[in-house]
Amino acid sequence: MLILRLRLVPFMDLAGLPALQEMVRKPQSRGVRMMLSEKNYRVRALSSAGAA
């Protein structure tokens, strides 16, 4: 399991969302579980809308 801690990420725009999605997708394709932790409300809203 990989945990990506986003505590120090103050915001994410639409250009950053595809990069985050790809960063999650690649390990998952190899059977590695990935968890995003400590997302602030701005990053959480964007990532849930984009299914990251």
PDB file of N, CA and C in Angstrom:
ATOM      1  N   MET A   1       0.836  -1.166   0.000  1.00  0.00           N
ATOM      2  CA  MET A   1       0.000   0.000   0.000  1.00  0.00           C
ATOM      3  C   MET A   1       0.886   1.236   0.000  1.00  0.00           C
ATOM      4  N   LEU A   2       0.550   2.185  -0.858  1.00  0.00           N
ATOM      5  CA  LEU A   2       1.209   3.482  -0.896  1.00  0.00           C
ATOM      6  C   LEU A   2       0.231   4.532  -0.383  1.00  0.00           C
ATOM      7  N   ILE A   3       0.700   5.414   0.468  1.00  0.00           N
ATOM      8  CA  ILE A   3      -0.140   6.488   0.986  1.00  0.00           C
ATOM      9  C   ILE A   3       0.455   7.804   0.505  1.00  0.00           C
ATOM     10  N   LEU A   4      -0.350   8.557  -0.204  1.00  0.00           N
ATOM     11  CA  LEU A   4       0.067   9.861  -0.701  1.00  0.00           C
ATOM     12  C   LEU A   4      -0.528  10.918   0.219  1.00  0.00           C
ATOM     13  N   ARG A   5       0.318  11.554   0.996  1.00  0.00           N
ATOM     14  CA  ARG A   5      -0.131  12.540   1.981  1.00  0.00           C
ATOM     15  C   ARG A   5      -0.188  13.916   1.321  1.00  0.00           C
ATOM     16  N   LEU A   6      -1.373  14.507   1.323  1.00  0.00           N
ATOM     17  CA  LEU A   6      -1.596  15.775   0.626  1.00  0.00           C
ATOM     18  C   LEU A   6      -1.759  16.960   1.577  1.00  0.00           C
ATOM     19  N   ARG A   7      -1.276  16.817   2.783  1.00  0.00           N
ATOM     20  CA  ARG A   7      -1.450  17.860   3.800  1.00  0.00           C
ATOM     21  C   ARG A   7      -0.889  19.205   3.355  1.00  0.00           C
ATOM     22  N   LEU A   8       0.207  19.213   2.659  1.00  0.00           N
ATOM     23  CA  LEU A   8       0.857  20.466   2.266  1.00  0.00           C
ATOM     24  C   LEU A   8       0.442  20.941   0.875  1.00  0.00           C
ATOM     25  N   VAL A   9      -0.565  20.306   0.278  1.00  0.00           N
ATOM     26  CA  VAL A   9      -1.076  20.737  -1.029  1.00  0.00           C
ATOM     27  C   VAL A   9      -2.250  21.674  -0.765  1.00  0.00           C
ATOM     28  N   PRO A  10      -2.065  22.989  -0.951  1.00  0.00           N
ATOM     29  CA  PRO A  10      -3.125  23.940  -0.602  1.00  0.00           C
ATOM     30  C   PRO A  10      -4.295  23.932  -1.579  1.00  0.00           C
ATOM     31  N   PHE A  11      -4.024  23.641  -2.833  1.00  0.00           N
ATOM     32  CA  PHE A  11      -5.086  23.588  -3.844  1.00  0.00           C
ATOM     33  C   PHE A  11      -4.585  22.786  -5.033  1.00  0.00           C
ATOM     34  N   MET A  12      -5.516  22.429  -5.908  1.00  0.00           N
ATOM     35  CA  MET A  12      -5.157  21.724  -7.132  1.00  0.00           C
ATOM     36  C   MET A  12      -6.076  22.242  -8.233  1.00  0.00           C
ATOM     37  N   ASP A  13      -5.506  22.586  -9.367  1.00  0.00           N
ATOM     38  CA  ASP A  13      -6.333  23.060 -10.474  1.00  0.00           C
ATOM     39  C   ASP A  13      -6.631  21.899 -11.425  1.00  0.00           C
ATOM     40  N   LEU A  14      -7.378  22.194 -12.454  1.00  0.00           N
ATOM     41  CA  LEU A  14      -7.776  21.145 -13.390  1.00  0.00           C
ATOM     42  C   LEU A  14      -6.597  20.576 -14.167  1.00  0.00           C
ATOM     43  N   ALA A  15      -5.501  21.307 -14.251  1.00  0.00           N
ATOM     44  CA  ALA A  15      -4.313  20.775 -14.924  1.00  0.00           C
ATOM     45  C   ALA A  15      -3.616  19.726 -14.050  1.00  0.00           C
ATOM     46  N   GLY A  16      -3.710  19.865 -12.736  1.00  0.00           N
ATOM     47  CA  GLY A  16      -3.055  18.925 -11.830  1.00  0.00           C
ATOM     48  C   GLY A  16      -3.847  17.649 -11.611  1.00  0.00           C
ATOM     49  N   LEU A  17      -5.143  17.703 -11.820  1.00  0.00           N
ATOM     50  CA  LEU A  17      -5.984  16.536 -11.568  1.00  0.00           C
ATOM     51  C   LEU A  17      -5.624  15.334 -12.445  1.00  0.00           C
ATOM     52  N   PRO A  18      -5.427  15.495 -13.768  1.00  0.00           N
ATOM     53  CA  PRO A  18      -5.025  14.325 -14.574  1.00  0.00           C
ATOM     54  C   PRO A  18      -3.694  13.717 -14.120  1.00  0.00           C
ATOM     55  N   ALA A  19      -2.766  14.551 -13.674  1.00  0.00           N
ATOM     56  CA  ALA A  19      -1.485  14.034 -13.184  1.00  0.00           C
ATOM     57  C   ALA A  19      -1.699  13.200 -11.922  1.00  0.00           C
ATOM     58  N   LEU A  20      -2.563  13.667 -11.032  1.00  0.00           N
ATOM     59  CA  LEU A  20      -2.867  12.917  -9.821  1.00  0.00           C
ATOM     60  C   LEU A  20      -3.565  11.601 -10.168  1.00  0.00           C
ATOM     61  N   GLN A  21      -4.506  11.653 -11.088  1.00  0.00           N
ATOM     62  CA  GLN A  21      -5.212  10.437 -11.499  1.00  0.00           C
ATOM     63  C   GLN A  21      -4.244   9.418 -12.086  1.00  0.00           C
ATOM     64  N   GLU A  22      -3.323   9.857 -12.903  1.00  0.00           N
ATOM     65  CA  GLU A  22      -2.346   8.941 -13.506  1.00  0.00           C
ATOM     66  C   GLU A  22      -1.415   8.371 -12.437  1.00  0.00           C
ATOM     67  N   MET A  23      -1.039   9.196 -11.464  1.00  0.00           N
ATOM     68  CA  MET A  23      -0.169   8.750 -10.385  1.00  0.00           C
ATOM     69  C   MET A  23      -0.852   7.662  -9.551  1.00  0.00           C
ATOM     70  N   VAL A  24      -2.177   7.712  -9.447  1.00  0.00           N
ATOM     71  CA  VAL A  24      -2.927   6.697  -8.717  1.00  0.00           C
ATOM     72  C   VAL A  24      -3.150   5.470  -9.596  1.00  0.00           C
ATOM     73  N   ARG A  25      -3.438   5.673 -10.866  1.00  0.00           N
ATOM     74  CA  ARG A  25      -3.774   4.581 -11.780  1.00  0.00           C
ATOM     75  C   ARG A  25      -2.607   3.614 -12.021  1.00  0.00           C
ATOM     76  N   LYS A  26      -1.406   4.145 -12.202  1.00  0.00           N
ATOM     77  CA  LYS A  26      -0.264   3.281 -12.535  1.00  0.00           C
ATOM     78  C   LYS A  26       0.009   2.224 -11.468  1.00  0.00           C
ATOM     79  N   PRO A  27       0.148   2.593 -10.185  1.00  0.00           N
ATOM     80  CA  PRO A  27       0.371   1.539  -9.181  1.00  0.00           C
ATOM     81  C   PRO A  27      -0.817   0.579  -9.070  1.00  0.00           C
ATOM     82  N   GLN A  28      -2.035   1.091  -9.217  1.00  0.00           N
ATOM     83  CA  GLN A  28      -3.214   0.226  -9.127  1.00  0.00           C
ATOM     84  C   GLN A  28      -3.214  -0.816 -10.236  1.00  0.00           C
ATOM     85  N   SER A  29      -2.718  -0.458 -11.410  1.00  0.00           N
ATOM     86  CA  SER A  29      -2.685  -1.416 -12.515  1.00  0.00           C
ATOM     87  C   SER A  29      -1.730  -2.576 -12.222  1.00  0.00           C
ATOM     88  N   ARG A  30      -0.800  -2.367 -11.287  1.00  0.00           N
ATOM     89  CA  ARG A  30       0.138  -3.419 -10.882  1.00  0.00           C
ATOM     90  C   ARG A  30      -0.284  -4.101  -9.576  1.00  0.00           C
ATOM     91  N   GLY A  31      -1.508  -3.785  -9.116  1.00  0.00           N
ATOM     92  CA  GLY A  31      -2.020  -4.428  -7.916  1.00  0.00           C
ATOM     93  C   GLY A  31      -1.650  -3.745  -6.614  1.00  0.00           C
ATOM     94  N   VAL A  32      -1.057  -2.561  -6.704  1.00  0.00           N
ATOM     95  CA  VAL A  32      -0.682  -1.826  -5.497  1.00  0.00           C
ATOM     96  C   VAL A  32      -1.858  -0.941  -5.087  1.00  0.00           C
ATOM     97  N   ARG A  33      -2.239  -1.024  -3.820  1.00  0.00           N
ATOM     98  CA  ARG A  33      -3.308  -0.166  -3.323  1.00  0.00           C
ATOM     99  C   ARG A  33      -2.735   1.201  -3.001  1.00  0.00           C
ATOM    100  N   MET A  34      -3.517   2.227  -3.256  1.00  0.00           N
ATOM    101  CA  MET A  34      -3.065   3.607  -3.052  1.00  0.00           C
ATOM    102  C   MET A  34      -4.129   4.356  -2.268  1.00  0.00           C
ATOM    103  N   MET A  35      -3.697   5.161  -1.301  1.00  0.00           N
ATOM    104  CA  MET A  35      -4.620   5.948  -0.509  1.00  0.00           C
ATOM    105  C   MET A  35      -4.161   7.399  -0.504  1.00  0.00           C
ATOM    106  N   LEU A  36      -5.105   8.304  -0.698  1.00  0.00           N
ATOM    107  CA  LEU A  36      -4.821   9.728  -0.592  1.00  0.00           C
ATOM    108  C   LEU A  36      -5.258  10.163   0.796  1.00  0.00           C
ATOM    109  N   SER A  37      -4.357  10.760   1.554  1.00  0.00           N
ATOM    110  CA  SER A  37      -4.699  11.153   2.916  1.00  0.00           C
ATOM    111  C   SER A  37      -4.487  12.648   3.112  1.00  0.00           C
ATOM    112  N   GLU A  38      -5.147  13.170   4.128  1.00  0.00           N
ATOM    113  CA  GLU A  38      -5.010  14.556   4.569  1.00  0.00           C
ATOM    114  C   GLU A  38      -5.305  15.575   3.471  1.00  0.00           C
ATOM    115  N   LYS A  39      -6.297  15.275   2.629  1.00  0.00           N
ATOM    116  CA  LYS A  39      -6.680  16.251   1.597  1.00  0.00           C
ATOM    117  C   LYS A  39      -7.449  17.387   2.256  1.00  0.00           C
ATOM    118  N   ASN A  40      -7.122  18.628   1.903  1.00  0.00           N
ATOM    119  CA  ASN A  40      -7.919  19.733   2.428  1.00  0.00           C
ATOM    120  C   ASN A  40      -9.217  19.829   1.632  1.00  0.00           C
ATOM    121  N   TYR A  41     -10.117  20.682   2.048  1.00  0.00           N
ATOM    122  CA  TYR A  41     -11.448  20.709   1.434  1.00  0.00           C
ATOM    123  C   TYR A  41     -11.408  21.069  -0.050  1.00  0.00           C
ATOM    124  N   ARG A  42     -10.468  21.912  -0.484  1.00  0.00           N
ATOM    125  CA  ARG A  42     -10.391  22.279  -1.906  1.00  0.00           C
ATOM    126  C   ARG A  42      -9.937  21.097  -2.760  1.00  0.00           C
ATOM    127  N   VAL A  43      -8.907  20.422  -2.321  1.00  0.00           N
ATOM    128  CA  VAL A  43      -8.389  19.269  -3.062  1.00  0.00           C
ATOM    129  C   VAL A  43      -9.403  18.128  -3.007  1.00  0.00           C
ATOM    130  N   ARG A  44     -10.042  17.933  -1.863  1.00  0.00           N
ATOM    131  CA  ARG A  44     -11.038  16.869  -1.703  1.00  0.00           C
ATOM    132  C   ARG A  44     -12.196  17.072  -2.676  1.00  0.00           C
ATOM    133  N   ALA A  45     -12.706  18.307  -2.790  1.00  0.00           N
ATOM    134  CA  ALA A  45     -13.841  18.586  -3.684  1.00  0.00           C
ATOM    135  C   ALA A  45     -13.460  18.313  -5.137  1.00  0.00           C
ATOM    136  N   LEU A  46     -12.285  18.753  -5.553  1.00  0.00           N
ATOM    137  CA  LEU A  46     -11.849  18.547  -6.927  1.00  0.00           C
ATOM    138  C   LEU A  46     -11.579  17.080  -7.209  1.00  0.00           C
ATOM    139  N   SER A  47     -10.903  16.400  -6.288  1.00  0.00           N
ATOM    140  CA  SER A  47     -10.562  15.001  -6.543  1.00  0.00           C
ATOM    141  C   SER A  47     -11.793  14.106  -6.525  1.00  0.00           C
ATOM    142  N   SER A  48     -12.784  14.415  -5.696  1.00  0.00           N
ATOM    143  CA  SER A  48     -13.994  13.584  -5.711  1.00  0.00           C
ATOM    144  C   SER A  48     -14.804  13.848  -6.975  1.00  0.00           C
ATOM    145  N   ALA A  49     -14.769  15.070  -7.488  1.00  0.00           N
ATOM    146  CA  ALA A  49     -15.463  15.370  -8.742  1.00  0.00           C
ATOM    147  C   ALA A  49     -14.784  14.678  -9.915  1.00  0.00           C
ATOM    148  N   GLY A  50     -13.444  14.527  -9.813  1.00  0.00           N
ATOM    149  CA  GLY A  50     -12.689  13.877 -10.889  1.00  0.00           C
ATOM    150  C   GLY A  50     -12.382  12.429 -10.622  1.00  0.00           C
ATOM    151  N   ALA A  51     -12.900  11.888  -9.532  1.00  0.00           N
ATOM    152  CA  ALA A  51     -12.722  10.473  -9.171  1.00  0.00           C
ATOM    153  C   ALA A  51     -11.269  10.089  -8.945  1.00  0.00           C
ATOM    154  N   ALA A  52     -10.511  11.000  -8.341  1.00  0.00           N
ATOM    155  CA  ALA A  52      -9.120  10.658  -8.003  1.00  0.00           C
ATOM    156  C   ALA A  52      -9.046  10.137  -6.588  1.00  0.00           C
TER     157      ALA A  52
END
